[in-house]
Amino acid sequence: MTATIAQRTEIQRTEPPRTQPPRTQPAETLRRGTGRTGRIRENRGTDRGTDLVVAMAALPAGHPERAALRARAIESWLPLAQHLANRFGGRGEPVEDLFQTASVGLIKAVDKYDPGRGVDFAAYAIPTVLGEIKRHFRDRTWDIRVPRRLQELRLSLSEASADLQQRLGRSPTVRDLADHLGITEDEVIEGLEGARAYNAVSLSTPTADSDGERGAELGDLIGRADDGYELTELRLALGPALAALDDREQRILTLRFFGNMTQSQIAAEIGVSQMHVSRLLSRALARLRGQLA
């Protein structure tokens, strides 16, 4: 028994100590970066981009290294431009176009940044990029270009309408909008009319009938001036005007305009000279114009 205990003690002394296997993080966690480590990586990327912008701004315009630093600085801040562009997605403009616009704003921010003012680059770049995106919506997304005053009035009317509808429990009237914004009713109507220019619809847009099948185009359903009404009025007034002429004048007008005869043919038909036919025709037409006027 004693020997056995001694042998076990000796075996325990010679065996290597058992250690716990190191804990491993999931690949997704390591790839994304979590907690403090993720924030440190993000801050390091931001600090690196800021250092590049500051270093570029410190160089004179003709320095040979300035162009390379500028390109690296813009590239390092492109994720910011992408993030700001994504915030305006779903408003009718492709995100790729918004990203291009945001990149233009980023380039302007990099070129105009002055570190001597003591403002962080991100605090300077974000308003610049957002302003470029909003300018894109103001100048490029309207189907029909309207003055900037009407564009801003449209935004004010949209916000006021949503606010008043929630407070009043109904759609606001023109007077409600005018009182809320402190403007006249005519200005409200002008803003509402101008807002229709934001989206235009083609007159060739097909419409559906009651059975759901394709019907006429939209342009076919829009009323237009009908010349037939004016002709109807003239024909109704022409009867009494012709009745006011004598028989010979009526016959000359009939032969000239309904029989398509020349003045020489009319003169031979009624037995007078062509000169006399011309005078009778002019007198009859003058009397008709007076009656129809």
Protein backbone atom coordinates (compact mmCIF):
# COMPACT_ATOMS: atom_id res chain seq x y z
CA MET A 1 0.00 0.00 0.00
CA THR A 2 2.84 2.40 0.93
CA ALA A 3 4.72 1.63 -2.29
CA THR A 4 1.64 2.19 -4.34
CA ILE A 5 1.00 5.63 -2.83
CA ALA A 6 4.61 6.62 -3.40
CA GLN A 7 4.46 5.53 -7.02
CA ARG A 8 1.30 7.59 -7.63
CA THR A 9 2.92 10.62 -6.04
CA GLU A 10 5.95 10.23 -8.29
CA ILE A 11 3.76 9.90 -11.39
CA GLN A 12 1.86 13.09 -10.52
CA ARG A 13 5.15 14.96 -10.12
CA THR A 14 6.45 13.84 -13.52
CA GLU A 15 3.21 14.47 -15.54
CA PRO A 16 2.99 17.89 -17.21
CA PRO A 17 0.33 20.18 -15.74
CA ARG A 18 -2.97 20.22 -17.61
CA THR A 19 -3.85 23.58 -19.06
CA GLN A 20 -7.18 24.91 -20.37
CA PRO A 21 -7.35 25.39 -24.18
CA PRO A 22 -7.31 29.03 -25.21
CA ARG A 23 -10.72 30.57 -25.86
CA THR A 24 -11.35 31.51 -29.44
CA GLN A 25 -13.76 34.13 -30.73
CA PRO A 26 -16.11 33.39 -33.62
CA ALA A 27 -14.83 34.42 -37.00
CA GLU A 28 -17.67 36.91 -37.43
CA THR A 29 -16.76 38.63 -34.15
CA LEU A 30 -13.08 38.81 -35.06
CA ARG A 31 -13.88 40.15 -38.51
CA ARG A 32 -16.20 42.92 -37.32
CA GLY A 33 -14.34 43.92 -34.17
CA THR A 34 -16.33 44.31 -30.97
CA GLY A 35 -16.28 46.43 -27.89
CA ARG A 36 -13.31 48.59 -27.24
CA THR A 37 -11.19 46.88 -29.92
CA GLY A 38 -13.67 47.77 -32.66
CA ARG A 39 -13.86 51.38 -31.50
CA ILE A 40 -10.08 51.61 -31.36
CA ARG A 41 -9.79 50.38 -34.94
CA GLU A 42 -12.42 52.87 -36.10
CA ASN A 43 -10.77 55.73 -34.26
CA ARG A 44 -7.40 54.80 -35.67
CA GLY A 45 -8.82 54.91 -39.22
CA THR A 46 -10.41 58.30 -38.57
CA ASP A 47 -7.27 59.66 -36.96
CA ARG A 48 -5.22 58.44 -39.92
CA GLY A 49 -7.58 60.17 -42.38
CA THR A 50 -7.46 63.38 -40.36
CA ASP A 51 -3.66 63.24 -40.24
CA LEU A 52 -3.55 62.90 -44.02
CA VAL A 53 -5.81 65.93 -44.51
CA VAL A 54 -3.79 68.00 -42.05
CA ALA A 55 -0.51 66.95 -43.67
CA MET A 56 -1.85 67.83 -47.11
CA ALA A 57 -3.10 71.24 -45.94
CA ALA A 58 0.34 72.01 -44.50
CA LEU A 59 2.02 71.61 -47.90
CA PRO A 60 2.06 74.45 -50.43
CA ALA A 61 -0.04 74.17 -53.59
CA GLY A 62 2.84 73.20 -55.87
CA HIS A 63 4.48 70.64 -53.57
CA PRO A 64 5.17 67.31 -55.37
CA GLU A 65 3.78 65.22 -52.50
CA ARG A 66 0.54 67.16 -52.13
CA ALA A 67 -1.36 65.34 -54.92
CA ALA A 68 -0.55 61.89 -53.47
CA LEU A 69 -1.58 62.97 -49.96
CA ARG A 70 -4.79 64.47 -51.33
CA ALA A 71 -5.72 61.21 -53.09
CA ARG A 72 -5.01 59.15 -49.96
CA ALA A 73 -6.98 61.56 -47.78
CA ILE A 74 -10.02 61.43 -50.07
CA GLU A 75 -9.87 57.64 -50.25
CA SER A 76 -9.66 57.30 -46.46
CA TRP A 77 -12.81 59.42 -45.98
CA LEU A 78 -14.92 57.78 -48.71
CA PRO A 79 -16.75 55.56 -46.17
CA LEU A 80 -18.11 58.76 -44.61
CA ALA A 81 -19.43 59.89 -48.00
CA GLN A 82 -21.03 56.47 -48.54
CA HIS A 83 -22.68 56.59 -45.10
CA LEU A 84 -24.16 60.04 -45.70
CA ALA A 85 -25.36 59.07 -49.18
CA ASN A 86 -27.16 56.01 -47.77
CA ARG A 87 -29.13 58.27 -45.43
CA PHE A 88 -30.87 59.80 -48.46
CA GLY A 89 -31.65 56.48 -50.14
CA GLY A 90 -35.22 55.64 -51.07
CA ARG A 91 -36.10 59.16 -52.21
CA GLY A 92 -36.25 58.47 -55.91
CA GLU A 93 -32.55 58.85 -56.65
CA PRO A 94 -30.12 55.94 -57.16
CA VAL A 95 -27.72 55.49 -54.26
CA GLU A 96 -24.83 55.34 -56.74
CA ASP A 97 -25.65 58.86 -57.95
CA LEU A 98 -25.94 60.09 -54.37
CA PHE A 99 -22.57 58.55 -53.53
CA GLN A 100 -20.99 60.33 -56.49
CA THR A 101 -22.54 63.60 -55.30
CA ALA A 102 -21.35 62.98 -51.75
CA SER A 103 -17.85 62.26 -53.08
CA VAL A 104 -17.85 65.64 -54.83
CA GLY A 105 -18.75 67.28 -51.51
CA LEU A 106 -15.98 65.33 -49.79
CA ILE A 107 -13.42 66.52 -52.34
CA LYS A 108 -14.52 70.12 -51.77
CA ALA A 109 -14.17 69.62 -48.02
CA VAL A 110 -10.66 68.18 -48.37
CA ASP A 111 -9.55 71.01 -50.65
CA LYS A 112 -11.01 73.81 -48.50
CA TYR A 113 -10.24 72.48 -45.03
CA ASP A 114 -8.12 74.78 -42.87
CA PRO A 115 -6.74 73.06 -39.75
CA GLY A 116 -5.66 76.42 -38.39
CA ARG A 117 -9.24 77.22 -37.40
CA GLY A 118 -9.24 74.48 -34.80
CA VAL A 119 -12.23 72.58 -36.24
CA ASP A 120 -12.09 68.80 -36.58
CA PHE A 121 -12.19 67.67 -40.19
CA ALA A 122 -15.22 65.42 -39.69
CA ALA A 123 -17.19 68.31 -38.18
CA TYR A 124 -16.29 70.38 -41.25
CA ALA A 125 -16.79 67.67 -43.88
CA ILE A 126 -20.22 66.39 -42.81
CA PRO A 127 -22.12 69.69 -43.39
CA THR A 128 -20.25 70.18 -46.66
CA VAL A 129 -21.20 66.74 -47.97
CA LEU A 130 -24.81 67.07 -46.78
CA GLY A 131 -25.07 70.45 -48.46
CA GLU A 132 -23.87 68.98 -51.74
CA ILE A 133 -26.44 66.17 -51.54
CA LYS A 134 -29.28 68.58 -50.74
CA ARG A 135 -28.17 70.82 -53.62
CA HIS A 136 -28.37 67.78 -55.88
CA PHE A 137 -31.98 67.17 -54.85
CA ARG A 138 -32.80 70.85 -55.33
CA ASP A 139 -31.25 71.26 -58.77
CA ARG A 140 -31.38 67.81 -60.38
CA THR A 141 -34.49 65.97 -59.20
CA TRP A 142 -37.20 68.41 -60.31
CA ASP A 143 -38.75 67.41 -63.63
CA ILE A 144 -39.55 71.08 -64.28
CA ARG A 145 -37.17 73.68 -62.92
CA VAL A 146 -38.88 76.19 -60.64
CA PRO A 147 -37.38 79.11 -58.67
CA ARG A 148 -35.59 78.26 -55.46
CA ARG A 149 -38.16 80.25 -53.51
CA LEU A 150 -40.90 77.86 -54.62
CA GLN A 151 -38.73 74.84 -53.84
CA GLU A 152 -38.19 76.02 -50.28
CA LEU A 153 -41.87 76.95 -49.99
CA ARG A 154 -42.80 73.42 -51.04
CA LEU A 155 -40.74 71.99 -48.18
CA SER A 156 -42.29 74.41 -45.69
CA LEU A 157 -45.80 73.56 -46.88
CA SER A 158 -45.09 69.83 -46.64
CA GLU A 159 -43.87 70.12 -43.04
CA ALA A 160 -46.71 72.47 -42.05
CA SER A 161 -49.31 70.19 -43.64
CA ALA A 162 -48.08 67.16 -41.68
CA ASP A 163 -47.99 69.16 -38.43
CA LEU A 164 -51.46 70.66 -38.87
CA GLN A 165 -53.02 67.38 -39.94
CA GLN A 166 -51.82 65.79 -36.71
CA ARG A 167 -53.01 68.67 -34.56
CA LEU A 168 -56.34 69.33 -36.29
CA GLY A 169 -57.24 65.74 -37.10
CA ARG A 170 -58.06 66.70 -40.70
CA SER A 171 -56.38 67.95 -43.83
CA PRO A 172 -55.46 71.64 -43.42
CA THR A 173 -57.07 74.23 -45.63
CA VAL A 174 -55.23 76.92 -47.54
CA ARG A 175 -56.11 79.41 -44.81
CA ASP A 176 -54.77 77.07 -42.11
CA LEU A 177 -51.45 76.78 -43.94
CA ALA A 178 -51.25 80.52 -44.51
CA ASP A 179 -51.89 81.33 -40.82
CA HIS A 180 -49.40 78.68 -39.69
CA LEU A 181 -46.59 79.91 -41.95
CA GLY A 182 -47.43 83.62 -41.72
CA ILE A 183 -47.87 84.07 -45.46
CA THR A 184 -50.79 84.99 -47.70
CA GLU A 185 -53.22 82.50 -49.20
CA ASP A 186 -52.03 83.43 -52.69
CA GLU A 187 -48.50 82.42 -51.73
CA VAL A 188 -49.78 79.09 -50.41
CA ILE A 189 -51.62 78.43 -53.66
CA GLU A 190 -48.52 79.38 -55.64
CA GLY A 191 -46.43 76.95 -53.58
CA LEU A 192 -48.93 74.13 -54.06
CA GLU A 193 -49.03 74.73 -57.80
CA GLY A 194 -45.24 74.85 -57.96
CA ALA A 195 -44.98 71.53 -56.09
CA ARG A 196 -46.68 69.81 -59.02
CA ALA A 197 -43.57 70.46 -61.10
CA TYR A 198 -41.51 68.05 -58.97
CA ASN A 199 -42.86 64.99 -60.74
CA ALA A 200 -44.19 65.18 -64.30
CA VAL A 201 -46.23 62.47 -65.99
CA SER A 202 -45.88 61.72 -69.68
CA LEU A 203 -48.95 62.30 -71.83
CA SER A 204 -48.18 58.97 -73.47
CA THR A 205 -48.78 57.10 -70.20
CA PRO A 206 -51.34 54.35 -70.87
CA THR A 207 -54.47 54.22 -68.74
CA ALA A 208 -56.55 51.22 -67.73
CA ASP A 209 -60.26 50.91 -68.33
CA SER A 210 -62.81 49.49 -65.89
CA ASP A 211 -61.87 45.92 -66.87
CA GLY A 212 -58.22 46.51 -66.05
CA GLU A 213 -57.16 46.35 -69.67
CA ARG A 214 -55.00 48.96 -71.36
CA GLY A 215 -57.07 51.86 -72.59
CA ALA A 216 -56.35 55.23 -74.10
CA GLU A 217 -53.27 57.30 -73.33
CA LEU A 218 -53.40 60.02 -70.72
CA GLY A 219 -53.14 62.77 -73.34
CA ASP A 220 -56.34 61.51 -74.98
CA LEU A 221 -58.29 62.17 -71.77
CA ILE A 222 -57.25 65.82 -71.42
CA GLY A 223 -59.75 68.31 -72.76
CA ARG A 224 -58.74 70.81 -75.40
CA ALA A 225 -60.34 73.66 -77.31
CA ASP A 226 -62.81 72.38 -79.91
CA ASP A 227 -63.04 74.53 -83.02
CA GLY A 228 -66.38 72.96 -83.87
CA TYR A 229 -68.18 75.08 -81.25
CA GLU A 230 -67.01 78.30 -82.86
CA LEU A 231 -68.02 77.07 -86.30
CA THR A 232 -71.44 76.12 -84.97
CA GLU A 233 -71.97 79.64 -83.67
CA LEU A 234 -70.93 81.11 -87.02
CA ARG A 235 -73.27 78.84 -88.94
CA LEU A 236 -76.16 79.77 -86.69
CA ALA A 237 -75.44 83.47 -87.19
CA LEU A 238 -74.83 83.08 -90.93
CA GLY A 239 -78.48 82.29 -91.76
CA PRO A 240 -79.97 85.63 -90.59
CA ALA A 241 -76.98 87.51 -92.11
CA LEU A 242 -77.59 85.95 -95.55
CA ALA A 243 -81.30 86.69 -95.28
CA ALA A 244 -80.47 90.41 -94.97
CA LEU A 245 -78.92 90.37 -98.50
CA ASP A 246 -80.96 90.81 -101.68
CA ASP A 247 -81.53 87.90 -104.09
CA ARG A 248 -78.78 88.87 -106.54
CA GLU A 249 -76.16 89.20 -103.78
CA GLN A 250 -77.18 85.84 -102.32
CA ARG A 251 -76.90 84.23 -105.78
CA ILE A 252 -73.44 85.72 -106.39
CA LEU A 253 -72.17 84.43 -103.01
CA THR A 254 -73.64 81.00 -103.70
CA LEU A 255 -72.03 80.75 -107.12
CA ARG A 256 -68.68 82.01 -105.83
CA PHE A 257 -68.25 80.02 -102.63
CA PHE A 258 -70.47 76.97 -103.15
CA GLY A 259 -70.25 76.65 -106.95
CA ASN A 260 -66.51 77.53 -107.00
CA MET A 261 -67.05 79.75 -110.07
CA THR A 262 -64.75 82.59 -111.06
CA GLN A 263 -65.95 86.18 -111.34
CA SER A 264 -65.89 85.89 -115.17
CA GLN A 265 -68.09 82.80 -115.05
CA ILE A 266 -70.49 84.50 -112.62
CA ALA A 267 -70.67 87.57 -114.89
CA ALA A 268 -71.60 85.36 -117.85
CA GLU A 269 -74.13 83.49 -115.73
CA ILE A 270 -76.09 86.51 -114.49
CA GLY A 271 -75.49 88.78 -117.52
CA VAL A 272 -73.36 91.58 -116.03
CA SER A 273 -69.74 92.65 -116.36
CA GLN A 274 -66.95 91.13 -114.29
CA MET A 275 -66.24 94.55 -112.72
CA HIS A 276 -69.83 94.77 -111.56
CA VAL A 277 -69.66 91.25 -110.09
CA SER A 278 -66.52 92.25 -108.19
CA ARG A 279 -68.27 95.29 -106.67
CA LEU A 280 -71.37 93.30 -105.76
CA LEU A 281 -69.27 90.56 -104.18
CA SER A 282 -67.24 93.05 -102.10
CA ARG A 283 -70.41 94.81 -100.91
CA ALA A 284 -72.10 91.54 -99.95
CA LEU A 285 -69.07 90.32 -97.97
CA ALA A 286 -68.82 93.65 -96.15
CA ARG A 287 -72.46 93.40 -95.11
CA LEU A 288 -71.93 89.83 -93.91
CA ARG A 289 -68.94 90.81 -91.81
CA GLY A 290 -70.97 93.58 -90.23
CA GLN A 291 -73.80 91.18 -89.39
CA LEU A 292 -71.50 88.49 -87.94
CA ALA A 293 -69.46 90.98 -85.91
